[in-house]
Protein backbone atom coordinates (compact mmCIF):
# COMPACT_ATOMS: atom_id res chain seq x y z
CA MET A 1 0.00 0.00 0.00
CA SER A 2 1.32 3.45 -0.95
CA ARG A 3 2.07 6.07 1.71
CA VAL A 4 -0.07 9.26 1.73
CA LEU A 5 1.34 12.74 2.40
CA ILE A 6 -1.15 15.38 3.57
CA ILE A 7 -0.15 19.05 3.48
CA GLY A 8 -1.45 21.23 6.31
CA THR A 9 -0.38 20.20 9.78
CA TYR A 10 -2.67 22.72 11.47
CA ASP A 11 -5.52 22.63 8.92
CA PRO A 12 -8.62 21.07 10.56
CA LEU A 13 -9.60 19.41 7.27
CA SER A 14 -6.13 17.90 6.81
CA ARG A 15 -6.23 16.52 10.32
CA ALA A 16 -9.72 15.10 9.82
CA ILE A 17 -8.56 13.33 6.65
CA SER A 18 -5.46 12.01 8.41
CA GLU A 19 -7.57 10.58 11.24
CA LYS A 20 -9.80 8.73 8.80
CA LEU A 21 -6.79 7.33 6.91
CA THR A 22 -5.19 6.24 10.17
CA SER A 23 -8.38 4.46 11.20
CA SER A 24 -8.25 2.64 7.84
CA GLU A 25 -4.62 1.67 8.55
CA VAL A 26 -3.30 3.65 5.58
CA PRO A 27 0.30 4.82 6.17
CA MET A 28 0.40 8.62 6.11
CA GLU A 29 2.28 11.71 7.25
CA LEU A 30 1.40 15.37 7.69
CA ALA A 31 3.59 18.11 6.17
CA ALA A 32 3.61 21.68 7.46
CA GLY A 33 3.70 23.26 4.00
CA HIS A 34 5.08 23.03 0.48
CA ALA A 35 8.76 23.15 1.48
CA ASP A 36 8.25 20.47 4.12
CA ALA A 37 6.31 18.32 1.63
CA LEU A 38 9.14 18.48 -0.93
CA GLN A 39 11.69 17.59 1.74
CA ARG A 40 9.66 14.59 2.87
CA LEU A 41 9.31 13.42 -0.73
CA ARG A 42 13.11 13.51 -1.08
CA MET A 43 13.54 11.44 2.08
CA ARG A 44 11.01 8.67 1.41
CA SER A 45 8.49 7.40 -1.11
CA PHE A 46 4.90 8.62 -1.13
CA GLY A 47 2.30 7.49 -3.64
CA ILE A 48 -0.34 10.16 -2.98
CA VAL A 49 -0.17 13.80 -1.92
CA ILE A 50 -3.23 15.72 -0.70
CA THR A 51 -2.76 19.49 -0.92
CA SER A 52 -3.88 22.03 1.65
CA SER A 53 -7.40 23.36 1.24
CA GLU A 54 -6.08 26.86 1.95
CA THR A 55 -3.93 27.25 -1.19
CA PRO A 56 -5.24 28.22 -4.66
CA ILE A 57 -5.12 25.72 -7.50
CA ASP A 58 -2.40 27.54 -9.46
CA GLU A 59 -0.01 27.16 -6.51
CA ASP A 60 -0.90 23.50 -6.20
CA LEU A 61 -0.15 22.87 -9.88
CA VAL A 62 3.25 24.54 -9.56
CA LEU A 63 3.92 22.36 -6.51
CA LEU A 64 2.86 19.28 -8.48
CA GLU A 65 5.48 20.05 -11.15
CA GLU A 66 8.16 20.24 -8.45
CA MET A 67 6.96 17.04 -6.78
CA ARG A 68 7.12 15.14 -10.06
CA LEU A 69 10.77 16.08 -10.45
CA ILE A 70 11.33 14.07 -7.27
CA ARG A 71 8.63 11.40 -7.61
CA PRO A 72 7.46 11.23 -11.27
CA ALA A 73 4.59 8.83 -10.52
CA ILE A 74 3.12 10.87 -7.65
CA ARG A 75 -0.68 11.17 -7.58
CA CYS A 76 -2.06 14.47 -6.37
CA ILE A 77 -5.48 15.10 -4.86
CA VAL A 78 -6.03 18.84 -5.03
CA LEU A 79 -8.12 20.62 -2.39
CA VAL A 80 -8.92 24.26 -3.13
CA PRO A 81 -11.18 26.95 -1.62
CA HIS A 82 -13.00 27.38 -4.95
CA THR A 83 -12.57 26.61 -8.64
CA THR A 84 -13.38 27.93 -12.08
CA SER A 85 -13.87 25.85 -15.23
CA ASP A 86 -10.52 27.06 -16.56
CA GLU A 87 -8.79 25.95 -13.36
CA VAL A 88 -10.42 22.52 -13.37
CA ILE A 89 -9.41 22.01 -17.00
CA ALA A 90 -5.84 23.07 -16.14
CA ALA A 91 -5.83 20.52 -13.32
CA MET A 92 -7.04 17.78 -15.66
CA ARG A 93 -4.40 18.68 -18.24
CA ALA A 94 -1.80 18.42 -15.48
CA SER A 95 -3.08 14.87 -14.73
CA VAL A 96 -4.25 15.77 -11.24
CA PHE A 97 -5.68 12.63 -9.68
CA ALA A 98 -8.81 14.33 -8.29
CA CYS A 99 -10.08 17.78 -7.41
CA PHE A 100 -12.29 18.96 -4.55
CA SER A 101 -13.48 22.43 -3.57
CA ALA A 102 -15.38 23.70 -0.54
CA PRO A 103 -17.55 22.54 1.11
CA PHE A 104 -15.36 19.52 1.78
CA ASP A 105 -16.25 16.04 2.99
CA ALA A 106 -13.26 14.56 4.79
CA ALA A 107 -14.64 11.01 4.54
CA THR A 108 -15.08 11.21 0.74
CA ILE A 109 -11.57 12.57 0.25
CA ALA A 110 -10.07 9.98 2.60
CA ASN A 111 -11.93 7.13 0.89
CA LEU A 112 -10.61 8.16 -2.53
CA ALA A 113 -7.08 8.49 -1.15
CA CYS A 114 -7.40 5.04 0.43
CA GLU A 115 -8.51 3.52 -2.88
CA ALA A 116 -5.63 5.23 -4.67
CA ALA A 117 -3.14 4.01 -2.06
CA SER A 118 -4.40 0.46 -2.50
CA ASN A 119 -4.15 0.56 -6.30
CA SER A 120 -0.54 -0.29 -7.18
CA GLU A 121 -1.39 -0.67 -10.88
CA TRP A 122 -2.45 2.96 -11.27
CA ARG A 123 -1.59 4.82 -14.44
CA ASP A 124 -3.00 7.91 -16.08
CA GLU A 125 -6.39 6.55 -17.04
CA ILE A 126 -8.08 9.79 -18.09
CA GLN A 127 -7.04 11.39 -21.37
CA ILE A 128 -8.32 14.76 -22.54
CA LEU A 129 -9.39 14.82 -26.18
CA THR A 130 -10.56 18.43 -26.17
CA ALA A 131 -11.29 20.86 -23.36
CA ARG A 132 -12.55 24.39 -23.00
CA PRO A 133 -15.10 25.93 -20.61
CA GLY A 134 -18.47 24.56 -21.63
CA TRP A 135 -17.11 21.59 -23.63
CA VAL A 136 -14.85 18.80 -22.35
CA SER A 137 -14.30 15.46 -24.11
CA LEU A 138 -12.41 12.59 -22.47
CA ARG A 139 -11.35 9.00 -22.97
CA ALA A 140 -11.20 6.94 -19.78
CA ASN A 141 -10.24 3.38 -18.85
CA CYS A 142 -12.98 1.17 -17.45
CA VAL A 143 -12.13 0.78 -13.77
CA MET A 144 -14.16 1.81 -10.74
CA LEU A 145 -11.49 4.18 -9.42
CA THR A 146 -11.49 6.06 -12.72
CA ALA A 147 -15.24 6.55 -12.44
CA GLU A 148 -14.83 8.05 -8.97
CA ARG A 149 -12.12 10.39 -10.26
CA LEU A 150 -14.30 11.47 -13.16
CA MET A 151 -17.08 12.37 -10.76
CA THR A 152 -14.85 14.80 -8.84
CA PHE A 153 -14.04 16.67 -12.04
CA ALA A 154 -17.66 16.65 -13.24
CA LYS A 155 -18.76 18.16 -9.95
CA GLU A 156 -16.16 20.92 -10.11
CA LEU A 157 -16.87 21.75 -13.77
CA ASN A 158 -20.48 22.40 -12.77
CA ALA A 159 -19.77 24.08 -9.44
CA ARG A 160 -21.93 27.10 -10.25
CA VAL A 161 -25.04 25.06 -11.05
CA PRO A 162 -27.62 25.10 -8.21
CA ALA A 163 -26.72 22.36 -5.73
CA GLU A 164 -29.89 20.28 -6.06
CA THR A 165 -29.83 20.34 -9.86
CA ARG A 166 -26.14 19.48 -9.92
CA GLN A 167 -26.56 16.61 -7.47
CA GLU A 168 -29.39 15.06 -9.48
CA MET A 169 -27.37 15.22 -12.69
CA LEU A 170 -24.23 13.83 -11.06
CA GLN A 171 -26.20 10.95 -9.55
CA ALA A 172 -27.49 10.05 -13.00
CA LEU A 173 -24.04 10.43 -14.55
CA ARG A 174 -22.43 8.14 -11.99
CA GLU A 175 -25.01 5.42 -12.61
CA ILE A 176 -24.57 5.60 -16.38
CA LEU A 177 -20.77 5.62 -16.08
CA LEU A 178 -20.84 2.48 -13.95
CA ASN A 179 -23.31 0.80 -16.30
CA ALA A 180 -21.05 1.61 -19.26
CA MET A 181 -17.94 0.32 -17.51
CA GLU A 182 -19.57 -2.84 -16.17
CA HIS A 183 -21.92 -3.88 -18.96
CA GLY A 184 -20.08 -2.33 -21.87
CA ALA A 185 -16.54 -3.28 -20.83
CA ALA A 186 -16.81 -5.74 -17.90
CA PHE A 187 -14.52 -3.41 -15.93
CA ASN A 188 -11.67 -4.34 -18.25
CA PRO A 189 -8.93 -1.69 -17.76
CA GLU A 190 -7.81 -2.21 -21.35
CA GLN A 191 -11.18 -0.98 -22.59
CA VAL A 192 -12.15 2.69 -22.76
CA ILE A 193 -15.28 4.77 -22.71
CA TYR A 194 -15.78 8.23 -24.19
CA ILE A 195 -17.40 11.06 -22.26
CA THR A 196 -18.33 14.54 -23.41
CA ALA A 197 -19.63 17.17 -21.00
CA VAL A 198 -21.37 20.24 -22.42
CA ARG A 199 -22.63 23.19 -20.39
CA THR A 200 -25.06 25.53 -22.12
CA ALA A 201 -26.87 28.57 -20.81
CA ARG A 202 -29.92 26.39 -20.13
CA ALA A 203 -28.71 22.83 -19.57
CA MET A 204 -26.09 20.34 -18.46
CA VAL A 205 -25.47 17.64 -21.07
CA PHE A 206 -23.38 14.47 -20.83
CA TYR A 207 -22.70 12.02 -23.65
CA ILE A 208 -21.24 8.57 -22.85
CA ARG A 209 -20.20 5.85 -25.30
CA ASP A 210 -18.95 2.42 -24.22
CA PRO A 211 -17.21 -0.31 -26.28
CA GLY A 212 -19.92 -2.92 -25.73
CA SER A 213 -22.39 -4.43 -28.14
CA GLY A 214 -25.20 -2.53 -26.45
CA PHE A 215 -28.59 -3.77 -25.27
CA ARG A 216 -32.25 -3.51 -26.01
CA ARG A 217 -34.66 -2.80 -23.19
CA GLY A 218 -36.46 -6.12 -23.68
CA GLU A 219 -33.17 -7.98 -23.27
CA LEU A 220 -32.48 -6.66 -19.76
CA SER A 221 -33.81 -9.74 -17.99
CA GLU A 222 -31.27 -9.40 -15.20
CA GLY A 223 -31.88 -5.72 -14.53
CA ALA A 224 -34.28 -3.90 -12.27
CA VAL A 225 -35.90 -2.16 -15.23
CA ALA A 226 -37.20 -5.49 -16.53
CA GLN A 227 -38.61 -6.84 -13.30
CA PRO A 228 -42.30 -7.25 -12.49
CA PHE A 229 -43.83 -4.21 -10.83
CA ASN A 230 -44.77 -6.28 -7.77
CA ASN A 231 -41.26 -7.77 -7.44
CA PRO A 232 -38.65 -5.19 -8.49
CA ALA A 233 -35.88 -6.95 -6.51
CA HIS A 234 -36.24 -10.25 -8.40
CA HIS A 235 -33.19 -9.37 -10.52
CA ILE A 236 -30.88 -9.52 -7.48
CA GLU A 237 -31.13 -13.31 -7.25
CA LEU A 238 -30.58 -13.66 -11.01
CA ARG A 239 -27.51 -11.44 -10.96
CA GLU A 240 -26.03 -13.18 -7.91
CA LYS A 241 -26.22 -16.48 -9.78
CA GLU A 242 -24.22 -14.88 -12.60
CA GLY A 243 -21.67 -13.41 -10.17
CA MET A 244 -22.75 -9.85 -10.99
CA ARG A 245 -23.18 -6.89 -8.64
CA PRO A 246 -26.75 -5.64 -8.07
CA GLY A 247 -27.67 -3.60 -11.10
CA GLY A 248 -30.33 -2.32 -13.43
CA TYR A 249 -31.30 0.41 -11.00
CA GLY A 250 -28.89 2.75 -12.78
CA LEU A 251 -31.34 3.25 -15.62
CA LEU A 252 -34.18 3.86 -13.20
CA VAL A 253 -32.15 6.31 -11.13
CA ALA A 254 -30.81 8.17 -14.15
CA GLY A 255 -34.19 8.35 -15.83
CA GLY A 256 -35.77 9.70 -12.66
CA THR A 257 -33.24 12.47 -12.00
CA VAL A 258 -32.61 13.98 -15.45
CA ASP A 259 -35.03 15.67 -17.82
CA GLU A 260 -34.05 13.62 -20.87
CA LEU A 261 -32.23 10.29 -21.21
CA ILE A 262 -31.68 9.19 -24.81
CA TYR A 263 -30.04 5.98 -26.08
CA ASN A 264 -28.86 5.13 -29.57
CA ASP A 265 -30.41 2.19 -31.39
CA ILE A 266 -28.13 -0.51 -29.90
CA GLY A 267 -27.80 1.05 -26.45
CA ASN A 268 -24.05 1.72 -26.13
CA GLU A 269 -24.39 5.49 -26.42
CA VAL A 270 -26.44 7.67 -24.11
CA VAL A 271 -27.16 11.37 -23.71
CA LEU A 272 -28.19 12.84 -20.35
CA ILE A 273 -29.81 16.28 -20.28
CA LYS A 274 -30.66 18.30 -17.20
CA TYR A 275 -32.23 21.70 -17.69
CA THR A 276 -30.94 24.41 -15.39
CA ASP A 277 -33.43 27.05 -16.53
CA ARG A 278 -36.79 25.33 -16.79
CA SER A 279 -38.62 28.55 -17.54
CA GLU A 280 -36.80 28.87 -20.86
CA SER A 281 -36.13 25.21 -21.73
């Protein structure tokens, strides 16, 4: 398991994250600041660095460049007071592992750091195809940890969307991402999915394409969407027999939280649309 370095000895958030990592038996250290962090990286190996929530993202990206001169494979979880779309895109171009802005959830950050520390096979699994504010297209490998990373960036890219609207869209996006990775690629890290996020004046739009052969709604015998109305959990037994995780609810969840959910004819491409200005949409 990789060692985690957290910057911000006296930062309450840093200490809360360190306590949760310690309780999970993840090896970690606290650094007082950037200079101390660089010195610790020279002295011993760390796999993950979590920046202080009190420094702006441009400072963190400069620090990341310096850290990579010492530890080229370092993974950086960036915590910042606030973000803009330009800053999030800059972080993604710099191959930041994940990005979080206030308000923070120490447990969520610690859980992601724990997963990263446990993943010795990590490589840069998110590739930017094109990116500008309002339009970001990515290619991503089909592993669960990549999906969790993608969700941090999606949340930050839409930070100015009203919280309830954003949460509903992100919930739908996560379900569709996991469906694409599981059913379209069987969580094979050699397979990739394509994601495009578009932000208009009136809507949030996500497009996802997986490498699978698709599905037709009538063929989803193992999913929740195909179960009898009076026994919606019947699919759990069927999926357990096939060694599959509980599923099928993703389509129900996504369809219930977005305004439009559109599949292509074979079912391996989907568009999610959430209107942010209903009065004009």
